[in-house]
Amino acid sequence: MNDDVTQYINKTQPWQIDVCEKLRAMIDETVPGVEERLLYGKPHYLKNGHYAAVIAVAKSKVSFMVFNATDIPEVKGFLRSMGNGERKTVDITEGQDVDYGTLAGFLGKTTAAL
């Protein structure tokens, strides 16, 4: 675990800390050898030097984005495309039930070839 990422997370609201820590654990369990770094002011996760995921905290949400996700379909109201569809994002709000297993499935698929 990267100290800079821990500091980033600990500056957020209590519910966001909980979500971020669960995402962080899910990423670590899902992506063997994942590297955690604070880049561009946000926690980024790399596998073999390639971007795998990013966590971004905003005032009222936590966003979790996966890269290399062209083959992952959008899920209306849950998973949205970013840019040309190569990235997919989930926005998590306070009190929302989060299916970390589904997110791990997306992440596993998008990092398998890295």
PDB file of N, CA and C in Angstrom:
ATOM      1  N   MET A   1       0.834  -1.181   0.000  1.00  0.00           N
ATOM      2  CA  MET A   1       0.000   0.000   0.000  1.00  0.00           C
ATOM      3  C   MET A   1       0.882   1.250   0.000  1.00  0.00           C
ATOM      4  N   ASN A   2       0.530   2.185  -0.840  1.00  0.00           N
ATOM      5  CA  ASN A   2       1.288   3.417  -1.017  1.00  0.00           C
ATOM      6  C   ASN A   2       0.828   4.461   0.011  1.00  0.00           C
ATOM      7  N   ASP A   3       1.786   5.052   0.738  1.00  0.00           N
ATOM      8  CA  ASP A   3       1.454   6.039   1.780  1.00  0.00           C
ATOM      9  C   ASP A   3       0.747   7.263   1.210  1.00  0.00           C
ATOM     10  N   ASP A   4       1.144   7.706   0.018  1.00  0.00           N
ATOM     11  CA  ASP A   4       0.491   8.869  -0.596  1.00  0.00           C
ATOM     12  C   ASP A   4      -0.979   8.575  -0.890  1.00  0.00           C
ATOM     13  N   VAL A   5      -1.265   7.361  -1.321  1.00  0.00           N
ATOM     14  CA  VAL A   5      -2.647   6.964  -1.594  1.00  0.00           C
ATOM     15  C   VAL A   5      -3.434   6.904  -0.279  1.00  0.00           C
ATOM     16  N   THR A   6      -2.819   6.364   0.755  1.00  0.00           N
ATOM     17  CA  THR A   6      -3.472   6.309   2.066  1.00  0.00           C
ATOM     18  C   THR A   6      -3.825   7.721   2.539  1.00  0.00           C
ATOM     19  N   GLN A   7      -2.912   8.660   2.389  1.00  0.00           N
ATOM     20  CA  GLN A   7      -3.174  10.045   2.788  1.00  0.00           C
ATOM     21  C   GLN A   7      -4.308  10.652   1.966  1.00  0.00           C
ATOM     22  N   TYR A   8      -4.322  10.389   0.665  1.00  0.00           N
ATOM     23  CA  TYR A   8      -5.394  10.874  -0.209  1.00  0.00           C
ATOM     24  C   TYR A   8      -6.752  10.363   0.293  1.00  0.00           C
ATOM     25  N   ILE A   9      -6.827   9.081   0.569  1.00  0.00           N
ATOM     26  CA  ILE A   9      -8.077   8.467   1.010  1.00  0.00           C
ATOM     27  C   ILE A   9      -8.502   9.017   2.368  1.00  0.00           C
ATOM     28  N   ASN A  10      -7.562   9.144   3.279  1.00  0.00           N
ATOM     29  CA  ASN A  10      -7.899   9.564   4.635  1.00  0.00           C
ATOM     30  C   ASN A  10      -8.349  11.021   4.735  1.00  0.00           C
ATOM     31  N   LYS A  11      -8.201  11.798   3.679  1.00  0.00           N
ATOM     32  CA  LYS A  11      -8.664  13.189   3.666  1.00  0.00           C
ATOM     33  C   LYS A  11     -10.121  13.309   3.217  1.00  0.00           C
ATOM     34  N   THR A  12     -10.761  12.189   2.922  1.00  0.00           N
ATOM     35  CA  THR A  12     -12.127  12.214   2.402  1.00  0.00           C
ATOM     36  C   THR A  12     -13.134  11.963   3.525  1.00  0.00           C
ATOM     37  N   GLN A  13     -14.413  11.985   3.184  1.00  0.00           N
ATOM     38  CA  GLN A  13     -15.481  11.742   4.155  1.00  0.00           C
ATOM     39  C   GLN A  13     -15.459  10.285   4.623  1.00  0.00           C
ATOM     40  N   PRO A  14     -15.952  10.018   5.840  1.00  0.00           N
ATOM     41  CA  PRO A  14     -15.908   8.638   6.359  1.00  0.00           C
ATOM     42  C   PRO A  14     -16.513   7.591   5.416  1.00  0.00           C
ATOM     43  N   TRP A  15     -17.641   7.882   4.789  1.00  0.00           N
ATOM     44  CA  TRP A  15     -18.239   6.885   3.890  1.00  0.00           C
ATOM     45  C   TRP A  15     -17.358   6.671   2.674  1.00  0.00           C
ATOM     46  N   GLN A  16     -16.666   7.739   2.220  1.00  0.00           N
ATOM     47  CA  GLN A  16     -15.776   7.613   1.067  1.00  0.00           C
ATOM     48  C   GLN A  16     -14.532   6.806   1.424  1.00  0.00           C
ATOM     49  N   ILE A  17     -14.032   6.989   2.645  1.00  0.00           N
ATOM     50  CA  ILE A  17     -12.887   6.188   3.099  1.00  0.00           C
ATOM     51  C   ILE A  17     -13.246   4.714   3.035  1.00  0.00           C
ATOM     52  N   ASP A  18     -14.446   4.360   3.517  1.00  0.00           N
ATOM     53  CA  ASP A  18     -14.891   2.973   3.507  1.00  0.00           C
ATOM     54  C   ASP A  18     -14.943   2.421   2.083  1.00  0.00           C
ATOM     55  N   VAL A  19     -15.542   3.168   1.166  1.00  0.00           N
ATOM     56  CA  VAL A  19     -15.634   2.730  -0.231  1.00  0.00           C
ATOM     57  C   VAL A  19     -14.232   2.585  -0.839  1.00  0.00           C
ATOM     58  N   CYS A  20     -13.391   3.581  -0.624  1.00  0.00           N
ATOM     59  CA  CYS A  20     -12.033   3.540  -1.199  1.00  0.00           C
ATOM     60  C   CYS A  20     -11.232   2.356  -0.672  1.00  0.00           C
ATOM     61  N   GLU A  21     -11.337   2.094   0.619  1.00  0.00           N
ATOM     62  CA  GLU A  21     -10.598   0.963   1.192  1.00  0.00           C
ATOM     63  C   GLU A  21     -11.103  -0.361   0.629  1.00  0.00           C
ATOM     64  N   LYS A  22     -12.407  -0.471   0.425  1.00  0.00           N
ATOM     65  CA  LYS A  22     -12.960  -1.700  -0.172  1.00  0.00           C
ATOM     66  C   LYS A  22     -12.520  -1.842  -1.624  1.00  0.00           C
ATOM     67  N   LEU A  23     -12.519  -0.740  -2.376  1.00  0.00           N
ATOM     68  CA  LEU A  23     -12.036  -0.783  -3.759  1.00  0.00           C
ATOM     69  C   LEU A  23     -10.559  -1.161  -3.793  1.00  0.00           C
ATOM     70  N   ARG A  24      -9.804  -0.565  -2.912  1.00  0.00           N
ATOM     71  CA  ARG A  24      -8.360  -0.823  -2.840  1.00  0.00           C
ATOM     72  C   ARG A  24      -8.094  -2.309  -2.578  1.00  0.00           C
ATOM     73  N   ALA A  25      -8.802  -2.890  -1.624  1.00  0.00           N
ATOM     74  CA  ALA A  25      -8.638  -4.314  -1.314  1.00  0.00           C
ATOM     75  C   ALA A  25      -9.068  -5.180  -2.493  1.00  0.00           C
ATOM     76  N   MET A  26     -10.177  -4.811  -3.145  1.00  0.00           N
ATOM     77  CA  MET A  26     -10.676  -5.564  -4.294  1.00  0.00           C
ATOM     78  C   MET A  26      -9.650  -5.541  -5.423  1.00  0.00           C
ATOM     79  N   ILE A  27      -9.059  -4.377  -5.681  1.00  0.00           N
ATOM     80  CA  ILE A  27      -8.045  -4.257  -6.735  1.00  0.00           C
ATOM     81  C   ILE A  27      -6.858  -5.145  -6.416  1.00  0.00           C
ATOM     82  N   ASP A  28      -6.379  -5.080  -5.171  1.00  0.00           N
ATOM     83  CA  ASP A  28      -5.217  -5.866  -4.754  1.00  0.00           C
ATOM     84  C   ASP A  28      -5.475  -7.364  -4.905  1.00  0.00           C
ATOM     85  N   GLU A  29      -6.695  -7.801  -4.573  1.00  0.00           N
ATOM     86  CA  GLU A  29      -7.041  -9.222  -4.682  1.00  0.00           C
ATOM     87  C   GLU A  29      -7.244  -9.664  -6.135  1.00  0.00           C
ATOM     88  N   THR A  30      -7.706  -8.747  -6.973  1.00  0.00           N
ATOM     89  CA  THR A  30      -8.078  -9.095  -8.344  1.00  0.00           C
ATOM     90  C   THR A  30      -6.900  -9.050  -9.316  1.00  0.00           C
ATOM     91  N   VAL A  31      -5.961  -8.146  -9.081  1.00  0.00           N
ATOM     92  CA  VAL A  31      -4.864  -7.929 -10.032  1.00  0.00           C
ATOM     93  C   VAL A  31      -3.537  -8.316  -9.383  1.00  0.00           C
ATOM     94  N   PRO A  32      -3.042  -9.527  -9.650  1.00  0.00           N
ATOM     95  CA  PRO A  32      -1.765  -9.940  -9.062  1.00  0.00           C
ATOM     96  C   PRO A  32      -0.634  -8.991  -9.479  1.00  0.00           C
ATOM     97  N   GLY A  33       0.168  -8.600  -8.519  1.00  0.00           N
ATOM     98  CA  GLY A  33       1.309  -7.740  -8.812  1.00  0.00           C
ATOM     99  C   GLY A  33       0.957  -6.300  -9.124  1.00  0.00           C
ATOM    100  N   VAL A  34      -0.258  -5.868  -8.782  1.00  0.00           N
ATOM    101  CA  VAL A  34      -0.682  -4.502  -9.081  1.00  0.00           C
ATOM    102  C   VAL A  34       0.210  -3.501  -8.345  1.00  0.00           C
ATOM    103  N   GLU A  35       0.487  -2.399  -9.012  1.00  0.00           N
ATOM    104  CA  GLU A  35       1.279  -1.321  -8.421  1.00  0.00           C
ATOM    105  C   GLU A  35       0.354  -0.139  -8.155  1.00  0.00           C
ATOM    106  N   GLU A  36       0.399   0.362  -6.935  1.00  0.00           N
ATOM    107  CA  GLU A  36      -0.446   1.481  -6.524  1.00  0.00           C
ATOM    108  C   GLU A  36       0.404   2.745  -6.464  1.00  0.00           C
ATOM    109  N   ARG A  37      -0.074   3.812  -7.133  1.00  0.00           N
ATOM    110  CA  ARG A  37       0.650   5.091  -7.159  1.00  0.00           C
ATOM    111  C   ARG A  37      -0.338   6.248  -7.111  1.00  0.00           C
ATOM    112  N   LEU A  38       0.108   7.366  -6.571  1.00  0.00           N
ATOM    113  CA  LEU A  38      -0.663   8.596  -6.668  1.00  0.00           C
ATOM    114  C   LEU A  38      -0.140   9.340  -7.897  1.00  0.00           C
ATOM    115  N   LEU A  39      -0.955   9.407  -8.955  1.00  0.00           N
ATOM    116  CA  LEU A  39      -0.592  10.085 -10.198  1.00  0.00           C
ATOM    117  C   LEU A  39      -1.688  11.089 -10.532  1.00  0.00           C
ATOM    118  N   TYR A  40      -1.301  12.250 -11.000  1.00  0.00           N
ATOM    119  CA  TYR A  40      -2.278  13.281 -11.361  1.00  0.00           C
ATOM    120  C   TYR A  40      -3.226  13.576 -10.201  1.00  0.00           C
ATOM    121  N   GLY A  41      -2.731  13.396  -8.970  1.00  0.00           N
ATOM    122  CA  GLY A  41      -3.503  13.698  -7.781  1.00  0.00           C
ATOM    123  C   GLY A  41      -4.529  12.652  -7.381  1.00  0.00           C
ATOM    124  N   LYS A  42      -4.501  11.465  -8.028  1.00  0.00           N
ATOM    125  CA  LYS A  42      -5.477  10.412  -7.740  1.00  0.00           C
ATOM    126  C   LYS A  42      -4.785   9.051  -7.657  1.00  0.00           C
ATOM    127  N   PRO A  43      -5.359   8.118  -6.889  1.00  0.00           N
ATOM    128  CA  PRO A  43      -4.802   6.763  -6.843  1.00  0.00           C
ATOM    129  C   PRO A  43      -4.970   6.047  -8.189  1.00  0.00           C
ATOM    130  N   HIS A  44      -3.841   5.625  -8.741  1.00  0.00           N
ATOM    131  CA  HIS A  44      -3.831   4.856  -9.988  1.00  0.00           C
ATOM    132  C   HIS A  44      -3.253   3.472  -9.696  1.00  0.00           C
ATOM    133  N   TYR A  45      -3.715   2.513 -10.458  1.00  0.00           N
ATOM    134  CA  TYR A  45      -3.274   1.131 -10.294  1.00  0.00           C
ATOM    135  C   TYR A  45      -2.754   0.637 -11.637  1.00  0.00           C
ATOM    136  N   LEU A  46      -1.523   0.119 -11.608  1.00  0.00           N
ATOM    137  CA  LEU A  46      -0.867  -0.307 -12.833  1.00  0.00           C
ATOM    138  C   LEU A  46      -0.489  -1.778 -12.751  1.00  0.00           C
ATOM    139  N   LYS A  47      -0.565  -2.438 -13.898  1.00  0.00           N
ATOM    140  CA  LYS A  47      -0.102  -3.816 -14.024  1.00  0.00           C
ATOM    141  C   LYS A  47       0.893  -3.849 -15.166  1.00  0.00           C
ATOM    142  N   ASN A  48       2.090  -4.295 -14.862  1.00  0.00           N
ATOM    143  CA  ASN A  48       3.165  -4.360 -15.861  1.00  0.00           C
ATOM    144  C   ASN A  48       3.359  -3.018 -16.569  1.00  0.00           C
ATOM    145  N   GLY A  49       3.236  -1.923 -15.804  1.00  0.00           N
ATOM    146  CA  GLY A  49       3.451  -0.589 -16.349  1.00  0.00           C
ATOM    147  C   GLY A  49       2.276  -0.009 -17.114  1.00  0.00           C
ATOM    148  N   HIS A  50       1.165  -0.734 -17.202  1.00  0.00           N
ATOM    149  CA  HIS A  50      -0.020  -0.277 -17.934  1.00  0.00           C
ATOM    150  C   HIS A  50      -1.117   0.110 -16.950  1.00  0.00           C
ATOM    151  N   TYR A  51      -1.839   1.188 -17.257  1.00  0.00           N
ATOM    152  CA  TYR A  51      -2.946   1.608 -16.406  1.00  0.00           C
ATOM    153  C   TYR A  51      -4.008   0.527 -16.351  1.00  0.00           C
ATOM    154  N   ALA A  52      -4.443   0.215 -15.129  1.00  0.00           N
ATOM    155  CA  ALA A  52      -5.500  -0.771 -14.933  1.00  0.00           C
ATOM    156  C   ALA A  52      -6.758  -0.110 -14.381  1.00  0.00           C
ATOM    157  N   ALA A  53      -6.587   0.786 -13.394  1.00  0.00           N
ATOM    158  CA  ALA A  53      -7.745   1.406 -12.744  1.00  0.00           C
ATOM    159  C   ALA A  53      -7.331   2.697 -12.060  1.00  0.00           C
ATOM    160  N   VAL A  54      -8.337   3.506 -11.738  1.00  0.00           N
ATOM    161  CA  VAL A  54      -8.123   4.737 -10.980  1.00  0.00           C
ATOM    162  C   VAL A  54      -9.327   4.957 -10.070  1.00  0.00           C
ATOM    163  N   ILE A  55      -9.043   5.499  -8.895  1.00  0.00           N
ATOM    164  CA  ILE A  55     -10.082   5.897  -7.951  1.00  0.00           C
ATOM    165  C   ILE A  55     -10.025   7.415  -7.854  1.00  0.00           C
ATOM    166  N   ALA A  56     -11.174   8.069  -7.959  1.00  0.00           N
ATOM    167  CA  ALA A  56     -11.233   9.528  -7.844  1.00  0.00           C
ATOM    168  C   ALA A  56     -12.364   9.900  -6.895  1.00  0.00           C
ATOM    169  N   VAL A  57     -12.044  10.702  -5.897  1.00  0.00           N
ATOM    170  CA  VAL A  57     -13.050  11.131  -4.935  1.00  0.00           C
ATOM    171  C   VAL A  57     -13.470  12.558  -5.249  1.00  0.00           C
ATOM    172  N   ALA A  58     -14.764  12.777  -5.353  1.00  0.00           N
ATOM    173  CA  ALA A  58     -15.345  14.104  -5.531  1.00  0.00           C
ATOM    174  C   ALA A  58     -16.226  14.388  -4.321  1.00  0.00           C
ATOM    175  N   LYS A  59     -16.815  15.566  -4.293  1.00  0.00           N
ATOM    176  CA  LYS A  59     -17.592  15.990  -3.132  1.00  0.00           C
ATOM    177  C   LYS A  59     -18.683  14.989  -2.743  1.00  0.00           C
ATOM    178  N   SER A  60     -19.418  14.482  -3.725  1.00  0.00           N
ATOM    179  CA  SER A  60     -20.568  13.638  -3.406  1.00  0.00           C
ATOM    180  C   SER A  60     -20.484  12.223  -3.974  1.00  0.00           C
ATOM    181  N   LYS A  61     -19.292  11.816  -4.440  1.00  0.00           N
ATOM    182  CA  LYS A  61     -19.181  10.475  -5.020  1.00  0.00           C
ATOM    183  C   LYS A  61     -17.740   9.981  -4.978  1.00  0.00           C
ATOM    184  N   VAL A  62     -17.608   8.693  -5.228  1.00  0.00           N
ATOM    185  CA  VAL A  62     -16.316   8.061  -5.485  1.00  0.00           C
ATOM    186  C   VAL A  62     -16.454   7.428  -6.863  1.00  0.00           C
ATOM    187  N   SER A  63     -15.544   7.754  -7.759  1.00  0.00           N
ATOM    188  CA  SER A  63     -15.564   7.167  -9.099  1.00  0.00           C
ATOM    189  C   SER A  63     -14.479   6.099  -9.196  1.00  0.00           C
ATOM    190  N   PHE A  64     -14.844   4.996  -9.800  1.00  0.00           N
ATOM    191  CA  PHE A  64     -13.906   3.904 -10.049  1.00  0.00           C
ATOM    192  C   PHE A  64     -13.886   3.666 -11.543  1.00  0.00           C
ATOM    193  N   MET A  65     -12.715   3.819 -12.147  1.00  0.00           N
ATOM    194  CA  MET A  65     -12.589   3.679 -13.591  1.00  0.00           C
ATOM    195  C   MET A  65     -11.613   2.556 -13.923  1.00  0.00           C
ATOM    196  N   VAL A  66     -12.001   1.742 -14.898  1.00  0.00           N
ATOM    197  CA  VAL A  66     -11.116   0.712 -15.425  1.00  0.00           C
ATOM    198  C   VAL A  66     -10.700   1.096 -16.842  1.00  0.00           C
ATOM    199  N   PHE A  67      -9.500   0.715 -17.201  1.00  0.00           N
ATOM    200  CA  PHE A  67      -8.944   0.969 -18.529  1.00  0.00           C
ATOM    201  C   PHE A  67      -9.026  -0.311 -19.356  1.00  0.00           C
ATOM    202  N   ASN A  68      -8.741  -0.210 -20.640  1.00  0.00           N
ATOM    203  CA  ASN A  68      -8.729  -1.373 -21.545  1.00  0.00           C
ATOM    204  C   ASN A  68     -10.094  -2.062 -21.578  1.00  0.00           C
ATOM    205  N   ALA A  69     -11.158  -1.262 -21.494  1.00  0.00           N
ATOM    206  CA  ALA A  69     -12.504  -1.810 -21.311  1.00  0.00           C
ATOM    207  C   ALA A  69     -13.376  -1.731 -22.559  1.00  0.00           C
ATOM    208  N   THR A  70     -12.775  -1.676 -23.726  1.00  0.00           N
ATOM    209  CA  THR A  70     -13.531  -1.585 -24.969  1.00  0.00           C
ATOM    210  C   THR A  70     -14.546  -2.724 -25.091  1.00  0.00           C
ATOM    211  N   ASP A  71     -14.180  -3.922 -24.639  1.00  0.00           N
ATOM    212  CA  ASP A  71     -15.047  -5.093 -24.777  1.00  0.00           C
ATOM    213  C   ASP A  71     -16.057  -5.255 -23.633  1.00  0.00           C
ATOM    214  N   ILE A  72     -16.023  -4.344 -22.673  1.00  0.00           N
ATOM    215  CA  ILE A  72     -16.977  -4.397 -21.561  1.00  0.00           C
ATOM    216  C   ILE A  72     -18.166  -3.506 -21.924  1.00  0.00           C
ATOM    217  N   PRO A  73     -19.377  -4.054 -21.992  1.00  0.00           N
ATOM    218  CA  PRO A  73     -20.529  -3.232 -22.372  1.00  0.00           C
ATOM    219  C   PRO A  73     -20.954  -2.290 -21.238  1.00  0.00           C
ATOM    220  N   GLU A  74     -21.515  -1.165 -21.631  1.00  0.00           N
ATOM    221  CA  GLU A  74     -22.077  -0.247 -20.653  1.00  0.00           C
ATOM    222  C   GLU A  74     -23.258  -0.925 -19.961  1.00  0.00           C
ATOM    223  N   VAL A  75     -23.515  -0.539 -18.715  1.00  0.00           N
ATOM    224  CA  VAL A  75     -24.684  -1.008 -17.975  1.00  0.00           C
ATOM    225  C   VAL A  75     -25.426   0.243 -17.541  1.00  0.00           C
ATOM    226  N   LYS A  76     -26.574   0.481 -18.150  1.00  0.00           N
ATOM    227  CA  LYS A  76     -27.323   1.718 -17.903  1.00  0.00           C
ATOM    228  C   LYS A  76     -27.544   1.941 -16.406  1.00  0.00           C
ATOM    229  N   GLY A  77     -27.194   3.135 -15.953  1.00  0.00           N
ATOM    230  CA  GLY A  77     -27.356   3.499 -14.555  1.00  0.00           C
ATOM    231  C   GLY A  77     -26.279   2.958 -13.639  1.00  0.00           C
ATOM    232  N   PHE A  78     -25.281   2.266 -14.205  1.00  0.00           N
ATOM    233  CA  PHE A  78     -24.228   1.678 -13.374  1.00  0.00           C
ATOM    234  C   PHE A  78     -22.842   1.922 -13.953  1.00  0.00           C
ATOM    235  N   LEU A  79     -22.603   1.453 -15.153  1.00  0.00           N
ATOM    236  CA  LEU A  79     -21.277   1.507 -15.772  1.00  0.00           C
ATOM    237  C   LEU A  79     -21.364   2.318 -17.050  1.00  0.00           C
ATOM    238  N   ARG A  80     -20.610   3.430 -17.103  1.00  0.00           N
ATOM    239  CA  ARG A  80     -20.696   4.296 -18.278  1.00  0.00           C
ATOM    240  C   ARG A  80     -19.350   4.378 -18.987  1.00  0.00           C
ATOM    241  N   SER A  81     -19.430   4.613 -20.293  1.00  0.00           N
ATOM    242  CA  SER A  81     -18.227   4.746 -21.111  1.00  0.00           C
ATOM    243  C   SER A  81     -17.625   6.131 -20.956  1.00  0.00           C
ATOM    244  N   MET A  82     -16.323   6.172 -21.049  1.00  0.00           N
ATOM    245  CA  MET A  82     -15.580   7.431 -21.038  1.00  0.00           C
ATOM    246  C   MET A  82     -14.771   7.493 -22.337  1.00  0.00           C
ATOM    247  N   GLY A  83     -14.658   8.694 -22.890  1.00  0.00           N
ATOM    248  CA  GLY A  83     -13.871   8.858 -24.112  1.00  0.00           C
ATOM    249  C   GLY A  83     -14.408   8.003 -25.232  1.00  0.00           C
ATOM    250  N   ASN A  84     -13.524   7.208 -25.817  1.00  0.00           N
ATOM    251  CA  ASN A  84     -13.900   6.366 -26.954  1.00  0.00           C
ATOM    252  C   ASN A  84     -14.406   4.984 -26.523  1.00  0.00           C
ATOM    253  N   GLY A  85     -14.706   4.827 -25.240  1.00  0.00           N
ATOM    254  CA  GLY A  85     -15.199   3.549 -24.732  1.00  0.00           C
ATOM    255  C   GLY A  85     -14.114   2.652 -24.198  1.00  0.00           C
ATOM    256  N   GLU A  86     -12.871   3.104 -24.295  1.00  0.00           N
ATOM    257  CA  GLU A  86     -11.736   2.316 -23.813  1.00  0.00           C
ATOM    258  C   GLU A  86     -11.709   2.312 -22.283  1.00  0.00           C
ATOM    259  N   ARG A  87     -12.363   3.287 -21.682  1.00  0.00           N
ATOM    260  CA  ARG A  87     -12.460   3.365 -20.218  1.00  0.00           C
ATOM    261  C   ARG A  87     -13.931   3.297 -19.823  1.00  0.00           C
ATOM    262  N   LYS A  88     -14.184   2.635 -18.700  1.00  0.00           N
ATOM    263  CA  LYS A  88     -15.537   2.559 -18.145  1.00  0.00           C
ATOM    264  C   LYS A  88     -15.473   3.007 -16.690  1.00  0.00           C
ATOM    265  N   THR A  89     -16.531   3.725 -16.255  1.00  0.00           N
ATOM    266  CA  THR A  89     -16.552   4.306 -14.920  1.00  0.00           C
ATOM    267  C   THR A  89     -17.840   3.971 -14.187  1.00  0.00           C
ATOM    268  N   VAL A  90     -17.691   3.743 -12.885  1.00  0.00           N
ATOM    269  CA  VAL A  90     -18.807   3.573 -11.968  1.00  0.00           C
ATOM    270  C   VAL A  90     -18.722   4.713 -10.961  1.00  0.00           C
ATOM    271  N   ASP A  91     -19.833   5.408 -10.742  1.00  0.00           N
ATOM    272  CA  ASP A  91     -19.913   6.450  -9.725  1.00  0.00           C
ATOM    273  C   ASP A  91     -20.672   5.895  -8.530  1.00  0.00           C
ATOM    274  N   ILE A  92     -20.046   5.977  -7.364  1.00  0.00           N
ATOM    275  CA  ILE A  92     -20.610   5.439  -6.129  1.00  0.00           C
ATOM    276  C   ILE A  92     -20.962   6.608  -5.213  1.00  0.00           C
ATOM    277  N   THR A  93     -22.197   6.619  -4.719  1.00  0.00           N
ATOM    278  CA  THR A  93     -22.651   7.686  -3.834  1.00  0.00           C
ATOM    279  C   THR A  93     -22.907   7.131  -2.431  1.00  0.00           C
ATOM    280  N   GLU A  94     -23.026   8.043  -1.481  1.00  0.00           N
ATOM    281  CA  GLU A  94     -23.217   7.658  -0.079  1.00  0.00           C
ATOM    282  C   GLU A  94     -24.466   6.798   0.071  1.00  0.00           C
ATOM    283  N   GLY A  95     -24.327   5.687   0.796  1.00  0.00           N
ATOM    284  CA  GLY A  95     -25.445   4.809   1.068  1.00  0.00           C
ATOM    285  C   GLY A  95     -25.758   3.805  -0.026  1.00  0.00           C
ATOM    286  N   GLN A  96     -25.092   3.915  -1.149  1.00  0.00           N
ATOM    287  CA  GLN A  96     -25.337   3.009  -2.278  1.00  0.00           C
ATOM    288  C   GLN A  96     -24.765   1.630  -1.988  1.00  0.00           C
ATOM    289  N   ASP A  97     -25.521   0.585  -2.333  1.00  0.00           N
ATOM    290  CA  ASP A  97     -24.990  -0.775  -2.261  1.00  0.00           C
ATOM    291  C   ASP A  97     -24.053  -0.970  -3.442  1.00  0.00           C
ATOM    292  N   VAL A  98     -22.864  -1.455  -3.163  1.00  0.00           N
ATOM    293  CA  VAL A  98     -21.857  -1.632  -4.209  1.00  0.00           C
ATOM    294  C   VAL A  98     -21.584  -3.122  -4.379  1.00  0.00           C
ATOM    295  N   ASP A  99     -21.683  -3.593  -5.607  1.00  0.00           N
ATOM    296  CA  ASP A  99     -21.384  -4.989  -5.914  1.00  0.00           C
ATOM    297  C   ASP A  99     -19.901  -5.081  -6.290  1.00  0.00           C
ATOM    298  N   TYR A 100     -19.067  -5.237  -5.274  1.00  0.00           N
ATOM    299  CA  TYR A 100     -17.618  -5.289  -5.508  1.00  0.00           C
ATOM    300  C   TYR A 100     -17.236  -6.520  -6.315  1.00  0.00           C
ATOM    301  N   GLY A 101     -18.023  -7.579  -6.229  1.00  0.00           N
ATOM    302  CA  GLY A 101     -17.762  -8.775  -7.030  1.00  0.00           C
ATOM    303  C   GLY A 101     -17.902  -8.505  -8.516  1.00  0.00           C
ATOM    304  N   THR A 102     -18.930  -7.742  -8.898  1.00  0.00           N
ATOM    305  CA  THR A 102     -19.111  -7.368 -10.300  1.00  0.00           C
ATOM    306  C   THR A 102     -17.968  -6.469 -10.759  1.00  0.00           C
ATOM    307  N   LEU A 103     -17.585  -5.514  -9.909  1.00  0.00           N
ATOM    308  CA  LEU A 103     -16.459  -4.633 -10.265  1.00  0.00           C
ATOM    309  C   LEU A 103     -15.175  -5.436 -10.414  1.00  0.00           C
ATOM    310  N   ALA A 104     -14.970  -6.411  -9.550  1.00  0.00           N
ATOM    311  CA  ALA A 104     -13.784  -7.275  -9.658  1.00  0.00           C
ATOM    312  C   ALA A 104     -13.819  -8.062 -10.967  1.00  0.00           C
ATOM    313  N   GLY A 105     -15.003  -8.502 -11.375  1.00  0.00           N
ATOM    314  CA  GLY A 105     -15.136  -9.212 -12.652  1.00  0.00           C
ATOM    315  C   GLY A 105     -14.741  -8.347 -13.825  1.00  0.00           C
ATOM    316  N   PHE A 106     -15.212  -7.074 -13.827  1.00  0.00           N
ATOM    317  CA  PHE A 106     -14.806  -6.135 -14.881  1.00  0.00           C
ATOM    318  C   PHE A 106     -13.294  -5.953 -14.876  1.00  0.00           C
ATOM    319  N   LEU A 107     -12.740  -5.716 -13.701  1.00  0.00           N
ATOM    320  CA  LEU A 107     -11.305  -5.468 -13.579  1.00  0.00           C
ATOM    321  C   LEU A 107     -10.481  -6.678 -14.007  1.00  0.00           C
ATOM    322  N   GLY A 108     -10.946  -7.860 -13.627  1.00  0.00           N
ATOM    323  CA  GLY A 108     -10.244  -9.086 -14.025  1.00  0.00           C
ATOM    324  C   GLY A 108     -10.189  -9.240 -15.532  1.00  0.00           C
ATOM    325  N   LYS A 109     -11.310  -8.938 -16.197  1.00  0.00           N
ATOM    326  CA  LYS A 109     -11.356  -9.036 -17.664  1.00  0.00           C
ATOM    327  C   LYS A 109     -10.457  -7.996 -18.331  1.00  0.00           C
ATOM    328  N   THR A 110     -10.466  -6.771 -17.794  1.00  0.00           N
ATOM    329  CA  THR A 110      -9.719  -5.700 -18.447  1.00  0.00           C
ATOM    330  C   THR A 110      -8.215  -5.777 -18.197  1.00  0.00           C
ATOM    331  N   THR A 111      -7.803  -6.522 -17.169  1.00  0.00           N
ATOM    332  CA  THR A 111      -6.365  -6.612 -16.872  1.00  0.00           C
ATOM    333  C   THR A 111      -5.764  -7.949 -17.283  1.00  0.00           C
ATOM    334  N   ALA A 112      -6.564  -8.873 -17.752  1.00  0.00           N
ATOM    335  CA  ALA A 112      -6.067 -10.223 -18.070  1.00  0.00           C
ATOM    336  C   ALA A 112      -4.919 -10.212 -19.081  1.00  0.00           C
ATOM    337  N   ALA A 113      -4.995  -9.326 -20.063  1.00  0.00           N
ATOM    338  CA  ALA A 113      -3.990  -9.317 -21.132  1.00  0.00           C
ATOM    339  C   ALA A 113      -2.807  -8.372 -20.853  1.00  0.00           C
ATOM    340  N   LEU A 114      -2.832  -7.672 -19.731  1.00  0.00           N
ATOM    341  CA  LEU A 114      -1.742  -6.723 -19.445  1.00  0.00           C
ATOM    342  C   LEU A 114      -0.495  -7.433 -18.965  1.00  0.00           C
TER     343      LEU A 114
END
